[in-house]
């Protein structure tokens, strides 16, 4: 009898996928006022999405279950996950 090769881990991440916005104030923050900041481009984030990205990078078959809007932000997050090899079905 031929031994079967072990299957790759099949994991599901359930939770948030969103855009992270990173800002840095020019000076000390002043409460109840406008504070000038430097802003970096948004990056894909959310705990479940971050975990799915890292697990997929390690070679695990990874699925992501989350709620996304049918807008540019949601469609971009979906496409990004699919490009990384994350199962988004």
N, C-alpha and C. Protein backbone atom coordinates (compact mmCIF):
# COMPACT_ATOMS: atom_id res chain seq x y z
N UNK A 1 0.84 -1.18 0.00
CA UNK A 1 0.00 0.00 0.00
C UNK A 1 0.89 1.24 0.00
N UNK A 2 0.60 2.17 -0.91
CA UNK A 2 1.38 3.39 -1.06
C UNK A 2 0.95 4.43 -0.02
N UNK A 3 1.93 5.01 0.65
CA UNK A 3 1.62 6.05 1.65
C UNK A 3 1.23 7.33 0.92
N UNK A 4 0.24 8.02 1.45
CA UNK A 4 -0.20 9.29 0.87
C UNK A 4 0.61 10.44 1.45
N UNK A 5 0.88 11.42 0.60
CA UNK A 5 1.58 12.62 1.06
C UNK A 5 0.66 13.40 1.99
N UNK A 6 1.21 14.01 3.04
CA UNK A 6 0.37 14.80 3.93
C UNK A 6 -0.21 16.01 3.20
N UNK A 7 -1.43 16.36 3.53
CA UNK A 7 -2.07 17.52 2.92
C UNK A 7 -1.59 18.80 3.60
N UNK A 8 -1.54 19.86 2.82
CA UNK A 8 -1.20 21.16 3.39
C UNK A 8 -2.31 21.58 4.35
N UNK A 9 -1.95 22.33 5.36
CA UNK A 9 -2.94 22.81 6.33
C UNK A 9 -4.00 23.64 5.62
N UNK A 10 -5.25 23.49 6.01
CA UNK A 10 -6.34 24.28 5.48
C UNK A 10 -6.88 25.11 6.64
N UNK A 11 -6.71 26.40 6.53
CA UNK A 11 -7.04 27.31 7.63
C UNK A 11 -8.04 28.35 7.17
N UNK A 12 -8.88 28.79 8.08
CA UNK A 12 -9.82 29.87 7.80
C UNK A 12 -9.62 30.98 8.82
N UNK A 13 -9.54 32.20 8.32
CA UNK A 13 -9.44 33.39 9.17
C UNK A 13 -10.77 34.13 9.04
N UNK A 14 -11.41 34.38 10.17
CA UNK A 14 -12.72 35.02 10.17
C UNK A 14 -12.61 36.30 10.99
N UNK A 15 -12.94 37.43 10.37
CA UNK A 15 -12.86 38.69 11.09
C UNK A 15 -12.74 39.86 10.16
N UNK A 16 -11.93 40.83 10.56
CA UNK A 16 -11.89 42.12 9.87
C UNK A 16 -10.86 42.19 8.74
N UNK A 17 -11.26 42.92 7.71
CA UNK A 17 -10.35 43.37 6.65
C UNK A 17 -10.69 44.84 6.42
N UNK A 18 -9.69 45.67 6.47
CA UNK A 18 -9.94 47.11 6.32
C UNK A 18 -8.67 47.78 5.81
N UNK A 19 -8.71 49.08 5.68
CA UNK A 19 -7.53 49.86 5.29
C UNK A 19 -6.94 50.53 6.52
N UNK A 20 -5.64 50.38 6.71
CA UNK A 20 -4.94 51.07 7.79
C UNK A 20 -4.45 52.41 7.27
N UNK A 21 -4.71 53.46 8.04
CA UNK A 21 -4.26 54.81 7.71
C UNK A 21 -3.26 55.24 8.78
N UNK A 22 -2.05 55.56 8.37
CA UNK A 22 -1.01 55.94 9.32
C UNK A 22 -0.73 57.43 9.18
N UNK A 23 -0.81 58.13 10.31
CA UNK A 23 -0.62 59.57 10.36
C UNK A 23 0.39 59.90 11.45
N UNK A 24 1.14 60.97 11.24
CA UNK A 24 2.07 61.43 12.27
C UNK A 24 1.90 62.94 12.42
N UNK A 25 1.58 63.35 13.64
CA UNK A 25 1.39 64.78 13.93
C UNK A 25 2.72 65.52 13.81
N UNK A 26 2.65 66.73 13.30
CA UNK A 26 3.85 67.57 13.19
C UNK A 26 4.35 68.01 14.56
N UNK A 27 3.41 68.27 15.45
CA UNK A 27 3.75 68.75 16.80
C UNK A 27 2.89 68.01 17.81
N UNK A 28 3.02 68.41 19.07
CA UNK A 28 2.17 67.84 20.13
C UNK A 28 0.71 68.08 19.78
N UNK A 29 -0.15 67.10 20.04
CA UNK A 29 -1.57 67.23 19.73
C UNK A 29 -2.24 68.25 20.64
N UNK A 30 -3.13 69.02 20.06
CA UNK A 30 -3.91 70.00 20.82
C UNK A 30 -5.36 69.53 20.76
N UNK A 31 -5.93 69.25 21.92
CA UNK A 31 -7.29 68.75 22.00
C UNK A 31 -8.30 69.75 21.44
N UNK A 32 -9.34 69.25 20.79
CA UNK A 32 -10.43 70.06 20.24
C UNK A 32 -9.94 71.07 19.20
N UNK A 33 -8.89 70.68 18.47
CA UNK A 33 -8.32 71.57 17.47
C UNK A 33 -7.90 70.74 16.25
N UNK A 34 -7.66 71.42 15.15
CA UNK A 34 -7.08 70.76 13.98
C UNK A 34 -5.58 70.63 14.21
N UNK A 35 -5.05 69.45 13.91
CA UNK A 35 -3.63 69.20 14.09
C UNK A 35 -3.03 68.77 12.75
N UNK A 36 -2.05 69.53 12.22
CA UNK A 36 -1.44 69.13 10.95
C UNK A 36 -0.69 67.80 11.10
N UNK A 37 -0.79 66.96 10.07
CA UNK A 37 -0.16 65.65 10.10
C UNK A 37 0.49 65.33 8.75
N UNK A 38 1.42 64.39 8.78
CA UNK A 38 1.92 63.74 7.57
C UNK A 38 1.15 62.43 7.45
N UNK A 39 0.75 62.09 6.24
CA UNK A 39 -0.02 60.87 6.01
C UNK A 39 0.72 59.97 5.04
N UNK A 40 0.71 58.67 5.31
CA UNK A 40 1.28 57.68 4.41
C UNK A 40 0.14 57.03 3.63
N UNK A 41 0.44 56.43 2.48
CA UNK A 41 -0.62 55.76 1.72
C UNK A 41 -1.27 54.66 2.56
N UNK A 42 -2.59 54.48 2.43
CA UNK A 42 -3.27 53.41 3.18
C UNK A 42 -2.72 52.05 2.77
N UNK A 43 -2.71 51.12 3.74
CA UNK A 43 -2.27 49.75 3.48
C UNK A 43 -3.34 48.77 3.92
N UNK A 44 -3.44 47.60 3.26
CA UNK A 44 -4.42 46.61 3.69
C UNK A 44 -4.15 46.20 5.14
N UNK A 45 -5.22 46.09 5.91
CA UNK A 45 -5.08 45.73 7.32
C UNK A 45 -6.27 44.94 7.81
N UNK A 46 -6.41 44.89 9.11
CA UNK A 46 -7.43 44.07 9.76
C UNK A 46 -6.78 42.80 10.27
N UNK A 47 -7.09 42.41 11.50
CA UNK A 47 -6.40 41.27 12.12
C UNK A 47 -6.56 40.00 11.30
N UNK A 48 -7.77 39.62 10.92
CA UNK A 48 -7.98 38.38 10.17
C UNK A 48 -7.28 38.45 8.81
N UNK A 49 -7.36 39.58 8.12
CA UNK A 49 -6.72 39.72 6.82
C UNK A 49 -5.21 39.63 6.96
N UNK A 50 -4.66 40.27 7.99
CA UNK A 50 -3.21 40.20 8.22
C UNK A 50 -2.77 38.75 8.48
N UNK A 51 -3.53 38.03 9.31
CA UNK A 51 -3.20 36.63 9.57
C UNK A 51 -3.27 35.80 8.30
N UNK A 52 -4.33 36.00 7.50
CA UNK A 52 -4.48 35.25 6.26
C UNK A 52 -3.30 35.52 5.32
N UNK A 53 -2.87 36.77 5.22
CA UNK A 53 -1.75 37.12 4.36
C UNK A 53 -0.49 36.39 4.79
N UNK A 54 -0.21 36.40 6.09
CA UNK A 54 1.01 35.77 6.58
C UNK A 54 0.97 34.25 6.48
N UNK A 55 -0.19 33.65 6.74
CA UNK A 55 -0.31 32.20 6.61
C UNK A 55 -0.16 31.77 5.15
N UNK A 56 -0.75 32.53 4.23
CA UNK A 56 -0.61 32.22 2.81
C UNK A 56 0.85 32.34 2.39
N UNK A 57 1.56 33.34 2.91
CA UNK A 57 2.97 33.51 2.59
C UNK A 57 3.81 32.33 3.08
N UNK A 58 3.35 31.67 4.14
CA UNK A 58 4.04 30.50 4.67
C UNK A 58 3.67 29.22 3.92
N UNK A 59 2.73 29.33 2.98
CA UNK A 59 2.36 28.19 2.16
C UNK A 59 1.12 27.44 2.60
N UNK A 60 0.44 27.93 3.63
CA UNK A 60 -0.79 27.27 4.08
C UNK A 60 -1.95 27.65 3.17
N UNK A 61 -2.83 26.68 2.89
CA UNK A 61 -4.06 26.98 2.14
C UNK A 61 -4.95 27.75 3.11
N UNK A 62 -5.16 29.01 2.82
CA UNK A 62 -5.84 29.91 3.75
C UNK A 62 -7.05 30.56 3.11
N UNK A 63 -8.16 30.56 3.84
CA UNK A 63 -9.38 31.23 3.40
C UNK A 63 -9.63 32.42 4.33
N UNK A 64 -10.27 33.44 3.78
CA UNK A 64 -10.61 34.63 4.56
C UNK A 64 -12.11 34.86 4.45
N UNK A 65 -12.79 34.94 5.59
CA UNK A 65 -14.21 35.26 5.64
C UNK A 65 -14.38 36.58 6.36
N UNK A 66 -14.90 37.57 5.64
CA UNK A 66 -15.10 38.89 6.23
C UNK A 66 -16.18 39.61 5.42
N UNK A 67 -16.61 40.73 5.91
CA UNK A 67 -17.59 41.55 5.21
C UNK A 67 -16.86 42.70 4.56
N UNK A 68 -17.09 42.87 3.24
CA UNK A 68 -16.50 43.98 2.50
C UNK A 68 -17.60 44.74 1.78
N UNK A 69 -17.42 46.02 1.64
CA UNK A 69 -18.37 46.83 0.88
C UNK A 69 -18.17 46.61 -0.62
N UNK A 70 -19.22 46.84 -1.38
CA UNK A 70 -19.15 46.76 -2.84
C UNK A 70 -18.77 48.14 -3.38
N UNK A 71 -17.59 48.60 -2.96
CA UNK A 71 -17.08 49.90 -3.38
C UNK A 71 -15.61 49.72 -3.74
N UNK A 72 -14.95 50.78 -4.13
CA UNK A 72 -13.56 50.69 -4.55
C UNK A 72 -12.69 50.10 -3.44
N UNK A 73 -12.89 50.54 -2.21
CA UNK A 73 -12.07 50.05 -1.09
C UNK A 73 -12.26 48.55 -0.90
N UNK A 74 -13.51 48.09 -0.89
CA UNK A 74 -13.79 46.66 -0.70
C UNK A 74 -13.29 45.82 -1.85
N UNK A 75 -13.53 46.28 -3.07
CA UNK A 75 -13.08 45.50 -4.24
C UNK A 75 -11.56 45.45 -4.32
N UNK A 76 -10.89 46.50 -3.90
CA UNK A 76 -9.43 46.51 -3.90
C UNK A 76 -8.88 45.54 -2.86
N UNK A 77 -9.48 45.51 -1.67
CA UNK A 77 -9.06 44.55 -0.65
C UNK A 77 -9.27 43.12 -1.13
N UNK A 78 -10.40 42.86 -1.78
CA UNK A 78 -10.70 41.53 -2.31
C UNK A 78 -9.66 41.12 -3.35
N UNK A 79 -9.37 41.99 -4.29
CA UNK A 79 -8.39 41.69 -5.35
C UNK A 79 -7.01 41.45 -4.75
N UNK A 80 -6.64 42.25 -3.76
CA UNK A 80 -5.33 42.11 -3.11
C UNK A 80 -5.22 40.74 -2.44
N UNK A 81 -6.26 40.33 -1.72
CA UNK A 81 -6.24 39.02 -1.06
C UNK A 81 -6.12 37.90 -2.09
N UNK A 82 -6.87 38.00 -3.17
CA UNK A 82 -6.81 36.97 -4.21
C UNK A 82 -5.43 36.90 -4.84
N UNK A 83 -4.78 38.05 -5.05
CA UNK A 83 -3.42 38.08 -5.62
C UNK A 83 -2.42 37.38 -4.70
N UNK A 84 -2.70 37.40 -3.41
CA UNK A 84 -1.81 36.75 -2.43
C UNK A 84 -2.06 35.26 -2.33
N UNK A 85 -3.08 34.77 -3.03
CA UNK A 85 -3.40 33.34 -2.97
C UNK A 85 -4.36 32.97 -1.87
N UNK A 86 -5.02 33.95 -1.29
CA UNK A 86 -5.99 33.70 -0.22
C UNK A 86 -7.31 33.32 -0.86
N UNK A 87 -7.93 32.24 -0.38
CA UNK A 87 -9.22 31.79 -0.89
C UNK A 87 -10.30 32.73 -0.35
N UNK A 88 -10.96 33.44 -1.23
CA UNK A 88 -11.99 34.41 -0.81
C UNK A 88 -13.39 33.98 -1.22
N UNK A 89 -13.53 32.72 -1.64
CA UNK A 89 -14.86 32.27 -2.05
C UNK A 89 -15.80 32.29 -0.88
